[in-house]
Amino acid sequence: MAIEARIRELDARHRSLEELIEDEVSHLSSDDLRVRELKRQKLRLKEEMEALRAQAH
């Protein structure tokens, strides 16, 4: 169960980052470095979730 809870937590953070990215990109003066870093964080979360899912099976 602990793995599933961790996956849910990571998924929530992943969705939150997606919203931040969309918000940042929607501004005309969006900061490309910030968007790139947010995408990097989002990818790390996705990779961690995938690893946990593989471990759970």
PDB file of N, CA and C in Angstrom:
ATOM      1  N   MET A   1       0.809  -1.208   0.000  1.00  0.00           N
ATOM      2  CA  MET A   1       0.000   0.000   0.000  1.00  0.00           C
ATOM      3  C   MET A   1       0.847   1.265   0.000  1.00  0.00           C
ATOM      4  N   ALA A   2       2.007   1.218   0.615  1.00  0.00           N
ATOM      5  CA  ALA A   2       2.848   2.408   0.695  1.00  0.00           C
ATOM      6  C   ALA A   2       3.274   2.870  -0.696  1.00  0.00           C
ATOM      7  N   ILE A   3       3.537   1.919  -1.577  1.00  0.00           N
ATOM      8  CA  ILE A   3       3.944   2.274  -2.937  1.00  0.00           C
ATOM      9  C   ILE A   3       2.798   2.971  -3.660  1.00  0.00           C
ATOM     10  N   GLU A   4       1.588   2.452  -3.498  1.00  0.00           N
ATOM     11  CA  GLU A   4       0.432   3.067  -4.154  1.00  0.00           C
ATOM     12  C   GLU A   4       0.201   4.482  -3.649  1.00  0.00           C
ATOM     13  N   ALA A   5       0.369   4.688  -2.353  1.00  0.00           N
ATOM     14  CA  ALA A   5       0.202   6.021  -1.783  1.00  0.00           C
ATOM     15  C   ALA A   5       1.260   6.974  -2.343  1.00  0.00           C
ATOM     16  N   ARG A   6       2.481   6.491  -2.482  1.00  0.00           N
ATOM     17  CA  ARG A   6       3.565   7.307  -3.032  1.00  0.00           C
ATOM     18  C   ARG A   6       3.279   7.655  -4.486  1.00  0.00           C
ATOM     19  N   ILE A   7       2.756   6.692  -5.234  1.00  0.00           N
ATOM     20  CA  ILE A   7       2.410   6.952  -6.639  1.00  0.00           C
ATOM     21  C   ILE A   7       1.325   8.019  -6.724  1.00  0.00           C
ATOM     22  N   ARG A   8       0.324   7.925  -5.859  1.00  0.00           N
ATOM     23  CA  ARG A   8      -0.747   8.939  -5.859  1.00  0.00           C
ATOM     24  C   ARG A   8      -0.188  10.327  -5.532  1.00  0.00           C
ATOM     25  N   GLU A   9       0.716  10.376  -4.571  1.00  0.00           N
ATOM     26  CA  GLU A   9       1.343  11.650  -4.193  1.00  0.00           C
ATOM     27  C   GLU A   9       2.134  12.229  -5.364  1.00  0.00           C
ATOM     28  N   LEU A  10       2.913  11.380  -6.013  1.00  0.00           N
ATOM     29  CA  LEU A  10       3.705  11.829  -7.157  1.00  0.00           C
ATOM     30  C   LEU A  10       2.814  12.264  -8.309  1.00  0.00           C
ATOM     31  N   ASP A  11       1.726  11.548  -8.520  1.00  0.00           N
ATOM     32  CA  ASP A  11       0.790  11.896  -9.586  1.00  0.00           C
ATOM     33  C   ASP A  11       0.161  13.263  -9.334  1.00  0.00           C
ATOM     34  N   ALA A  12      -0.180  13.542  -8.097  1.00  0.00           N
ATOM     35  CA  ALA A  12      -0.750  14.845  -7.754  1.00  0.00           C
ATOM     36  C   ALA A  12       0.263  15.960  -8.024  1.00  0.00           C
ATOM     37  N   ARG A  13       1.517  15.724  -7.655  1.00  0.00           N
ATOM     38  CA  ARG A  13       2.564  16.713  -7.917  1.00  0.00           C
ATOM     39  C   ARG A  13       2.789  16.874  -9.419  1.00  0.00           C
ATOM     40  N   HIS A  14       2.698  15.773 -10.149  1.00  0.00           N
ATOM     41  CA  HIS A  14       2.869  15.780 -11.604  1.00  0.00           C
ATOM     42  C   HIS A  14       1.789  16.650 -12.247  1.00  0.00           C
ATOM     43  N   ARG A  15       0.545  16.460 -11.825  1.00  0.00           N
ATOM     44  CA  ARG A  15      -0.566  17.260 -12.356  1.00  0.00           C
ATOM     45  C   ARG A  15      -0.408  18.742 -11.988  1.00  0.00           C
ATOM     46  N   SER A  16       0.065  18.999 -10.788  1.00  0.00           N
ATOM     47  CA  SER A  16       0.292  20.372 -10.351  1.00  0.00           C
ATOM     48  C   SER A  16       1.355  21.051 -11.213  1.00  0.00           C
ATOM     49  N   LEU A  17       2.412  20.328 -11.505  1.00  0.00           N
ATOM     50  CA  LEU A  17       3.452  20.870 -12.379  1.00  0.00           C
ATOM     51  C   LEU A  17       2.916  21.143 -13.776  1.00  0.00           C
ATOM     52  N   GLU A  18       2.063  20.261 -14.271  1.00  0.00           N
ATOM     53  CA  GLU A  18       1.460  20.459 -15.592  1.00  0.00           C
ATOM     54  C   GLU A  18       0.674  21.767 -15.616  1.00  0.00           C
ATOM     55  N   GLU A  19      -0.074  22.037 -14.557  1.00  0.00           N
ATOM     56  CA  GLU A  19      -0.839  23.282 -14.476  1.00  0.00           C
ATOM     57  C   GLU A  19       0.097  24.493 -14.433  1.00  0.00           C
ATOM     58  N   LEU A  20       1.179  24.388 -13.672  1.00  0.00           N
ATOM     59  CA  LEU A  20       2.147  25.486 -13.612  1.00  0.00           C
ATOM     60  C   LEU A  20       2.769  25.749 -14.979  1.00  0.00           C
ATOM     61  N   ILE A  21       3.095  24.676 -15.688  1.00  0.00           N
ATOM     62  CA  ILE A  21       3.679  24.811 -17.023  1.00  0.00           C
ATOM     63  C   ILE A  21       2.694  25.495 -17.964  1.00  0.00           C
ATOM     64  N   GLU A  22       1.455  25.031 -17.958  1.00  0.00           N
ATOM     65  CA  GLU A  22       0.444  25.635 -18.830  1.00  0.00           C
ATOM     66  C   GLU A  22       0.249  27.114 -18.501  1.00  0.00           C
ATOM     67  N   ASP A  23       0.243  27.441 -17.217  1.00  0.00           N
ATOM     68  CA  ASP A  23       0.079  28.824 -16.789  1.00  0.00           C
ATOM     69  C   ASP A  23       1.259  29.672 -17.257  1.00  0.00           C
ATOM     70  N   GLU A  24       2.452  29.158 -17.084  1.00  0.00           N
ATOM     71  CA  GLU A  24       3.656  29.895 -17.474  1.00  0.00           C
ATOM     72  C   GLU A  24       3.692  30.108 -18.982  1.00  0.00           C
ATOM     73  N   VAL A  25       3.374  29.086 -19.752  1.00  0.00           N
ATOM     74  CA  VAL A  25       3.428  29.180 -21.211  1.00  0.00           C
ATOM     75  C   VAL A  25       2.357  30.126 -21.749  1.00  0.00           C
ATOM     76  N   SER A  26       1.263  30.264 -21.035  1.00  0.00           N
ATOM     77  CA  SER A  26       0.173  31.110 -21.515  1.00  0.00           C
ATOM     78  C   SER A  26       0.506  32.598 -21.439  1.00  0.00           C
ATOM     79  N   HIS A  27       1.515  32.959 -20.684  1.00  0.00           N
ATOM     80  CA  HIS A  27       1.913  34.364 -20.590  1.00  0.00           C
ATOM     81  C   HIS A  27       2.841  34.726 -21.748  1.00  0.00           C
ATOM     82  N   LEU A  28       2.662  35.904 -22.253  1.00  0.00           N
ATOM     83  CA  LEU A  28       3.504  36.351 -23.361  1.00  0.00           C
ATOM     84  C   LEU A  28       4.964  36.445 -22.946  1.00  0.00           C
ATOM     85  N   SER A  29       5.196  36.798 -21.712  1.00  0.00           N
ATOM     86  CA  SER A  29       6.572  36.953 -21.237  1.00  0.00           C
ATOM     87  C   SER A  29       7.021  35.730 -20.434  1.00  0.00           C
ATOM     88  N   SER A  30       6.658  34.556 -20.908  1.00  0.00           N
ATOM     89  CA  SER A  30       7.009  33.344 -20.176  1.00  0.00           C
ATOM     90  C   SER A  30       8.525  33.168 -20.125  1.00  0.00           C
ATOM     91  N   ASP A  31       8.966  32.605 -19.042  1.00  0.00           N
ATOM     92  CA  ASP A  31      10.392  32.379 -18.803  1.00  0.00           C
ATOM     93  C   ASP A  31      10.743  30.970 -19.292  1.00  0.00           C
ATOM     94  N   ASP A  32      11.479  30.910 -20.390  1.00  0.00           N
ATOM     95  CA  ASP A  32      11.826  29.614 -20.991  1.00  0.00           C
ATOM     96  C   ASP A  32      12.618  28.728 -20.040  1.00  0.00           C
ATOM     97  N   LEU A  33      13.507  29.327 -19.261  1.00  0.00           N
ATOM     98  CA  LEU A  33      14.284  28.531 -18.314  1.00  0.00           C
ATOM     99  C   LEU A  33      13.395  27.923 -17.244  1.00  0.00           C
ATOM    100  N   ARG A  34      12.437  28.699 -16.771  1.00  0.00           N
ATOM    101  CA  ARG A  34      11.503  28.185 -15.751  1.00  0.00           C
ATOM    102  C   ARG A  34      10.664  27.050 -16.328  1.00  0.00           C
ATOM    103  N   VAL A  35      10.169  27.244 -17.541  1.00  0.00           N
ATOM    104  CA  VAL A  35       9.358  26.203 -18.191  1.00  0.00           C
ATOM    105  C   VAL A  35      10.192  24.938 -18.364  1.00  0.00           C
ATOM    106  N   ARG A  36      11.435  25.086 -18.796  1.00  0.00           N
ATOM    107  CA  ARG A  36      12.313  23.931 -18.991  1.00  0.00           C
ATOM    108  C   ARG A  36      12.544  23.192 -17.669  1.00  0.00           C
ATOM    109  N   GLU A  37      12.776  23.935 -16.596  1.00  0.00           N
ATOM    110  CA  GLU A  37      13.002  23.311 -15.292  1.00  0.00           C
ATOM    111  C   GLU A  37      11.734  22.614 -14.788  1.00  0.00           C
ATOM    112  N   LEU A  38      10.577  23.232 -14.980  1.00  0.00           N
ATOM    113  CA  LEU A  38       9.322  22.601 -14.570  1.00  0.00           C
ATOM    114  C   LEU A  38       9.102  21.299 -15.340  1.00  0.00           C
ATOM    115  N   LYS A  39       9.396  21.317 -16.633  1.00  0.00           N
ATOM    116  CA  LYS A  39       9.247  20.107 -17.450  1.00  0.00           C
ATOM    117  C   LYS A  39      10.216  19.022 -16.994  1.00  0.00           C
ATOM    118  N   ARG A  40      11.417  19.431 -16.613  1.00  0.00           N
ATOM    119  CA  ARG A  40      12.403  18.474 -16.108  1.00  0.00           C
ATOM    120  C   ARG A  40      11.908  17.814 -14.821  1.00  0.00           C
ATOM    121  N   GLN A  41      11.353  18.636 -13.928  1.00  0.00           N
ATOM    122  CA  GLN A  41      10.807  18.112 -12.674  1.00  0.00           C
ATOM    123  C   GLN A  41       9.650  17.150 -12.951  1.00  0.00           C
ATOM    124  N   LYS A  42       8.806  17.537 -13.888  1.00  0.00           N
ATOM    125  CA  LYS A  42       7.657  16.698 -14.253  1.00  0.00           C
ATOM    126  C   LYS A  42       8.128  15.346 -14.797  1.00  0.00           C
ATOM    127  N   LEU A  43       9.155  15.367 -15.635  1.00  0.00           N
ATOM    128  CA  LEU A  43       9.695  14.130 -16.191  1.00  0.00           C
ATOM    129  C   LEU A  43      10.277  13.242 -15.094  1.00  0.00           C
ATOM    130  N   ARG A  44      10.995  13.840 -14.150  1.00  0.00           N
ATOM    131  CA  ARG A  44      11.553  13.051 -13.035  1.00  0.00           C
ATOM    132  C   ARG A  44      10.444  12.372 -12.238  1.00  0.00           C
ATOM    133  N   LEU A  45       9.357  13.097 -12.014  1.00  0.00           N
ATOM    134  CA  LEU A  45       8.232  12.507 -11.283  1.00  0.00           C
ATOM    135  C   LEU A  45       7.633  11.349 -12.069  1.00  0.00           C
ATOM    136  N   LYS A  46       7.478  11.542 -13.374  1.00  0.00           N
ATOM    137  CA  LYS A  46       6.924  10.482 -14.219  1.00  0.00           C
ATOM    138  C   LYS A  46       7.814   9.244 -14.186  1.00  0.00           C
ATOM    139  N   GLU A  47       9.113   9.455 -14.277  1.00  0.00           N
ATOM    140  CA  GLU A  47      10.043   8.329 -14.246  1.00  0.00           C
ATOM    141  C   GLU A  47       9.982   7.601 -12.907  1.00  0.00           C
ATOM    142  N   GLU A  48       9.867   8.364 -11.823  1.00  0.00           N
ATOM    143  CA  GLU A  48       9.771   7.742 -10.502  1.00  0.00           C
ATOM    144  C   GLU A  48       8.472   6.944 -10.372  1.00  0.00           C
ATOM    145  N   MET A  49       7.374   7.502 -10.888  1.00  0.00           N
ATOM    146  CA  MET A  49       6.095   6.776 -10.841  1.00  0.00           C
ATOM    147  C   MET A  49       6.182   5.478 -11.634  1.00  0.00           C
ATOM    148  N   GLU A  50       6.783   5.532 -12.811  1.00  0.00           N
ATOM    149  CA  GLU A  50       6.909   4.333 -13.639  1.00  0.00           C
ATOM    150  C   GLU A  50       7.754   3.277 -12.939  1.00  0.00           C
ATOM    151  N   ALA A  51       8.830   3.695 -12.285  1.00  0.00           N
ATOM    152  CA  ALA A  51       9.688   2.760 -11.576  1.00  0.00           C
ATOM    153  C   ALA A  51       8.926   2.112 -10.418  1.00  0.00           C
ATOM    154  N   LEU A  52       8.154   2.912  -9.707  1.00  0.00           N
ATOM    155  CA  LEU A  52       7.367   2.363  -8.590  1.00  0.00           C
ATOM    156  C   LEU A  52       6.292   1.394  -9.089  1.00  0.00           C
ATOM    157  N   ARG A  53       5.660   1.748 -10.213  1.00  0.00           N
ATOM    158  CA  ARG A  53       4.632   0.846 -10.774  1.00  0.00           C
ATOM    159  C   ARG A  53       5.253  -0.483 -11.184  1.00  0.00           C
ATOM    160  N   ALA A  54       6.441  -0.431 -11.782  1.00  0.00           N
ATOM    161  CA  ALA A  54       7.135  -1.660 -12.184  1.00  0.00           C
ATOM    162  C   ALA A  54       7.506  -2.483 -10.962  1.00  0.00           C
ATOM    163  N   GLN A  55       7.901  -1.810  -9.907  1.00  0.00           N
ATOM    164  CA  GLN A  55       8.277  -2.494  -8.666  1.00  0.00           C
ATOM    165  C   GLN A  55       7.075  -3.136  -8.001  1.00  0.00           C
ATOM    166  N   ALA A  56       5.913  -2.530  -8.154  1.00  0.00           N
ATOM    167  CA  ALA A  56       4.708  -3.031  -7.509  1.00  0.00           C
ATOM    168  C   ALA A  56       4.162  -4.279  -8.206  1.00  0.00           C
ATOM    169  N   HIS A  57       4.569  -4.500  -9.455  1.00  0.00           N
ATOM    170  CA  HIS A  57       4.039  -5.652 -10.219  1.00  0.00           C
ATOM    171  C   HIS A  57       4.960  -6.804 -10.206  1.00  0.00           C
TER     172      HIS A  57
END
